[in-house]
Protein backbone atom coordinates (compact mmCIF):
# COMPACT_ATOMS: atom_id res chain seq x y z
CA MET A 1 53.77 47.58 -100.19
CA LYS A 2 52.63 47.76 -96.56
CA THR A 3 55.20 45.15 -95.54
CA ILE A 4 58.04 47.04 -97.23
CA GLY A 5 56.81 50.25 -95.61
CA ILE A 6 56.90 48.63 -92.16
CA TYR A 7 60.45 47.41 -92.71
CA LEU A 8 61.58 50.85 -93.91
CA TYR A 9 59.83 52.54 -90.98
CA ALA A 10 61.43 50.15 -88.48
CA GLY A 11 64.82 50.68 -90.10
CA LEU A 12 64.44 54.46 -89.86
CA LEU A 13 63.54 54.22 -86.17
CA VAL A 14 66.59 52.07 -85.52
CA LEU A 15 68.85 54.58 -87.29
CA LYS A 16 67.34 57.45 -85.31
CA SER A 17 68.00 55.53 -82.09
CA PHE A 18 71.77 55.72 -82.56
CA PRO A 19 72.27 58.94 -80.53
CA ASN A 20 70.41 57.33 -77.63
CA LEU A 21 72.63 54.27 -77.96
CA ILE A 22 75.68 56.49 -77.52
CA LYS A 23 74.10 58.03 -74.42
CA VAL A 24 73.35 54.72 -72.71
CA ARG A 25 76.87 53.51 -73.43
CA ARG A 26 78.09 56.46 -71.37
CA ILE A 27 76.05 55.57 -68.29
CA PRO A 28 78.60 55.12 -65.48
CA ASP A 29 79.32 51.55 -64.41
CA HIS A 30 78.73 52.37 -60.75
CA ILE A 31 75.00 52.92 -61.39
CA PRO A 32 73.05 49.79 -60.34
CA PHE A 33 71.63 47.85 -63.26
CA SER A 34 68.16 48.15 -61.74
CA GLU A 35 68.37 51.85 -62.65
CA LYS A 36 70.64 51.56 -65.70
CA GLY A 37 68.38 48.93 -67.25
CA LYS A 38 65.39 51.28 -67.21
CA ARG A 39 67.35 53.93 -69.11
CA ILE A 40 68.57 51.41 -71.68
CA PHE A 41 65.14 49.81 -72.12
CA LYS A 42 63.31 53.09 -72.78
CA THR A 43 64.32 53.35 -76.45
CA PRO A 44 63.76 49.69 -77.49
CA LYS A 45 60.37 49.86 -75.78
CA GLU A 46 59.34 53.02 -77.64
CA VAL A 47 60.61 51.71 -80.99
CA SER A 48 58.75 48.41 -80.53
CA GLN A 49 55.48 50.18 -79.69
CA LYS A 50 55.77 52.44 -82.73
CA VAL A 51 56.44 49.53 -85.08
CA PHE A 52 53.54 47.54 -83.64
CA LYS A 53 51.13 50.46 -83.96
CA ARG A 54 52.31 51.05 -87.54
CA THR A 55 50.90 47.63 -88.47
CA LYS A 56 47.43 48.94 -87.44
CA SER A 57 47.24 46.16 -84.86
CA THR A 58 45.72 46.35 -81.39
CA ILE A 59 46.80 44.71 -78.15
CA ASP A 60 45.18 43.69 -74.89
CA VAL A 61 47.63 43.33 -71.99
CA ARG A 62 46.55 41.64 -68.78
CA GLY A 63 48.19 40.59 -65.55
CA THR A 64 50.74 43.39 -65.21
CA ASN A 65 50.06 43.33 -61.46
CA LYS A 66 51.56 39.82 -61.42
CA LEU A 67 55.10 41.05 -62.16
CA PRO A 68 57.48 40.48 -59.20
CA GLU A 69 60.16 42.96 -58.26
CA GLY A 70 63.66 42.29 -59.49
CA PRO A 71 64.90 40.09 -62.33
CA VAL A 72 62.74 37.24 -63.60
CA LEU A 73 62.84 34.61 -66.30
CA PHE A 74 59.96 35.17 -68.71
CA VAL A 75 58.75 31.98 -70.38
CA SER A 76 56.53 32.55 -73.40
CA ASN A 77 54.96 30.62 -76.24
CA HIS A 78 56.23 31.67 -79.66
CA GLN A 79 53.58 32.22 -82.35
CA GLY A 80 55.33 34.63 -84.64
CA LEU A 81 57.95 37.21 -85.52
CA PHE A 82 56.07 39.95 -83.69
CA ASP A 83 56.28 38.20 -80.30
CA ILE A 84 59.56 39.96 -79.49
CA ILE A 85 58.18 43.36 -80.49
CA VAL A 86 55.11 42.78 -78.32
CA LEU A 87 57.20 41.69 -75.32
CA LEU A 88 59.62 44.61 -75.63
CA GLY A 89 56.84 47.11 -76.17
CA TYR A 90 54.21 46.05 -73.68
CA VAL A 91 55.79 44.23 -70.72
CA ASP A 92 56.95 46.91 -68.34
CA LYS A 93 60.25 45.39 -67.28
CA PRO A 94 63.67 45.60 -68.98
CA MET A 95 64.49 42.27 -70.61
CA GLY A 96 67.02 40.50 -72.76
CA PHE A 97 66.67 37.56 -75.13
CA ILE A 98 68.57 34.52 -76.26
CA SER A 99 69.11 35.20 -79.95
CA LYS A 100 70.71 33.41 -82.86
CA GLN A 101 74.31 34.32 -83.65
CA GLU A 102 73.44 35.86 -87.02
CA ILE A 103 71.79 38.87 -85.36
CA LYS A 104 75.25 40.05 -84.32
CA LYS A 105 75.79 41.11 -87.94
CA ILE A 106 72.96 43.68 -87.87
CA PRO A 107 74.33 47.13 -87.02
CA ILE A 108 72.77 49.14 -84.17
CA ILE A 109 70.21 46.42 -83.34
CA SER A 110 72.96 44.06 -82.16
CA SER A 111 74.48 46.92 -80.14
CA TRP A 112 71.17 47.58 -78.39
CA MET A 113 70.86 43.87 -77.69
CA LYS A 114 74.28 43.81 -76.07
CA GLU A 115 73.28 46.74 -73.86
CA LEU A 116 70.18 44.76 -72.84
CA LYS A 117 72.46 41.84 -71.91
CA CYS A 118 71.01 39.60 -74.59
CA VAL A 119 73.05 36.48 -75.28
CA PHE A 120 73.78 35.01 -78.69
CA ILE A 121 73.74 31.31 -79.52
CA ASP A 122 75.46 29.40 -82.31
CA ARG A 123 73.02 26.54 -82.78
CA SER A 124 75.60 24.52 -84.69
CA ASN A 125 77.96 24.50 -81.69
CA ARG A 126 76.70 22.45 -78.75
CA ARG A 127 79.54 23.55 -76.47
CA ALA A 128 78.74 27.20 -77.20
CA ALA A 129 75.12 26.57 -76.21
CA ILE A 130 76.28 25.65 -72.71
CA LYS A 131 78.10 28.98 -72.46
CA VAL A 132 74.90 30.76 -73.49
CA ILE A 133 73.17 29.37 -70.42
CA ASP A 134 76.02 30.61 -68.24
CA ASP A 135 75.88 34.06 -69.88
CA GLY A 136 72.11 34.22 -69.36
CA ILE A 137 72.51 33.32 -65.69
CA GLU A 138 75.05 36.12 -65.30
CA SER A 139 72.59 38.56 -66.89
CA LEU A 140 69.89 37.52 -64.42
CA LYS A 141 72.27 37.80 -61.47
CA ALA A 142 73.25 41.28 -62.69
CA GLY A 143 69.59 42.32 -62.43
CA GLN A 144 68.39 41.91 -66.01
CA SER A 145 65.27 39.85 -66.74
CA MET A 146 65.54 37.35 -69.59
CA VAL A 147 63.03 35.86 -72.03
CA ILE A 148 63.03 32.31 -73.37
CA PHE A 149 60.79 30.59 -75.91
CA PRO A 150 61.03 26.95 -74.79
CA GLU A 151 59.24 25.63 -77.88
CA GLY A 152 62.45 26.47 -79.73
CA THR A 153 60.76 27.84 -82.86
CA ARG A 154 57.76 29.81 -84.05
CA THR A 155 54.58 27.75 -84.22
CA ARG A 156 52.88 30.13 -86.69
CA GLY A 157 49.52 29.41 -85.05
CA LYS A 158 47.65 28.84 -81.79
CA ALA A 159 49.00 25.35 -81.08
CA VAL A 160 51.66 25.24 -78.35
CA GLN A 161 54.49 22.80 -79.00
CA SER A 162 56.24 20.85 -76.24
CA PHE A 163 58.39 23.00 -73.98
CA LYS A 164 62.04 22.00 -73.81
CA SER A 165 63.31 22.14 -70.24
CA GLY A 166 67.03 22.86 -70.74
CA SER A 167 66.80 26.65 -70.80
CA LEU A 168 64.92 26.66 -67.49
CA ARG A 169 68.32 26.29 -65.86
CA LEU A 170 68.56 30.04 -66.31
CA ALA A 171 66.01 30.45 -63.53
CA THR A 172 66.83 27.48 -61.33
CA ARG A 173 70.54 28.33 -61.17
CA ALA A 174 70.02 32.08 -60.83
CA ASN A 175 67.25 31.49 -58.26
CA VAL A 176 64.78 33.96 -59.79
CA PRO A 177 60.99 33.83 -60.31
CA ILE A 178 59.68 32.27 -63.51
CA VAL A 179 56.87 34.27 -65.14
CA PRO A 180 54.80 32.52 -67.83
CA ILE A 181 53.43 34.76 -70.58
CA ALA A 182 50.71 33.69 -73.00
CA ILE A 183 50.75 35.46 -76.37
CA ASP A 184 47.95 34.97 -78.86
CA GLY A 185 47.41 36.58 -82.26
CA THR A 186 50.88 37.62 -83.38
CA TYR A 187 50.94 34.97 -86.10
CA LYS A 188 47.98 36.71 -87.76
CA ILE A 189 50.04 39.86 -88.28
CA PHE A 190 52.71 38.18 -90.41
CA GLU A 191 52.94 34.39 -90.66
CA GLU A 192 49.28 33.70 -91.51
CA ASN A 193 49.35 36.18 -94.38
CA ASP A 194 52.17 34.68 -96.48
CA MET A 195 54.77 36.75 -94.64
CA LYS A 196 53.02 40.01 -95.46
CA VAL A 197 52.18 42.40 -92.65
CA LYS A 198 48.54 43.08 -91.87
CA GLY A 199 46.74 44.42 -88.81
CA GLY A 200 45.52 42.02 -86.17
CA HIS A 201 44.56 41.78 -82.52
CA VAL A 202 47.00 40.41 -79.98
CA SER A 203 46.44 39.39 -76.40
CA LEU A 204 49.32 39.22 -73.94
CA THR A 205 48.64 37.67 -70.55
CA ILE A 206 51.15 37.72 -67.71
CA CYS A 207 50.33 34.73 -65.53
CA ASP A 208 51.09 33.98 -61.87
CA PRO A 209 54.83 33.73 -61.27
CA MET A 210 56.42 30.50 -60.11
CA MET A 211 58.66 31.49 -57.22
CA PRO A 212 61.95 29.75 -56.35
CA ASP A 213 60.50 28.17 -53.20
CA GLN A 214 57.76 26.63 -55.38
CA TYR A 215 60.04 25.04 -57.96
CA LYS A 216 63.21 24.27 -55.97
CA GLU A 217 62.22 20.63 -55.36
CA MET A 218 60.88 20.09 -58.90
CA LYS A 219 62.64 18.58 -61.90
CA ASN A 220 63.09 20.91 -64.86
CA HIS A 221 60.87 18.80 -67.10
CA THR A 222 58.06 19.05 -64.52
CA ILE A 223 58.46 22.81 -64.36
CA ALA A 224 58.31 22.95 -68.17
CA GLU A 225 55.13 20.86 -68.24
CA GLN A 226 53.40 23.10 -65.70
CA LEU A 227 54.39 26.28 -67.53
CA GLN A 228 53.17 24.86 -70.83
CA GLN A 229 49.85 23.85 -69.29
CA THR A 230 49.39 27.34 -67.82
CA ILE A 231 49.99 29.04 -71.15
CA GLU A 232 47.86 26.55 -73.10
CA SER A 233 44.99 27.08 -70.67
CA VAL A 234 45.05 30.85 -71.15
CA ILE A 235 45.12 30.59 -74.95
CA ALA A 236 42.35 27.99 -74.99
CA ASN A 237 40.12 29.91 -72.56
CA PRO A 238 40.50 33.63 -73.33
CA ILE A 239 37.42 34.56 -71.28
CA ASN A 240 39.16 33.26 -68.16
CA LYS A 241 42.36 35.20 -68.72
CA VAL A 242 44.14 36.74 -65.78
CA SER A 243 42.85 40.22 -65.02
């Protein structure tokens, strides 16, 4: 019953967000996205925090002082369904995601995602996947930070799978900082409990950014390896997490 209640609560919050969606759609185009993005992000952030708290879960966020100014590419491990809610709710920077095409069918949520400059991918269409990279680069150049999960799927546990390097072109072609984020504990809220929601504790650690002058001479696969090692180290050694 708790799981159904969470879904109903989240659905109600999304419905109640519709008037705010209308308001952000009316923000004049001449306003810089650095300012417009903050206005758009306010509602998804609040909704995500409320849903997370409704699960009776707790969160420990570290490394917020590591966030650079301007747009960045966030690179995170992907333990569970609640990773996106945690990122939206507790990383203080407007962000968009690369999402599967099917999400476009969900009313209101898909509209918010479009406002956040999320991009949608049809995984069955390889040519379309190339366009997704181009769309993501345009979002970054417009001033919107983006999130990628280079494992490509939820791991449903602590183990970090190999990072795929292709999506790192978002950063290398847009020339923006890459910020690794280590998430631990989200799988315990949902995946570990037979897809039923229960409270858990989550840690979210924002690690040192990799700046363009650091990675410009590196191959994408080398960048991916270093990012994976950084995130694995944080998850394996929670006492030594960034403060």
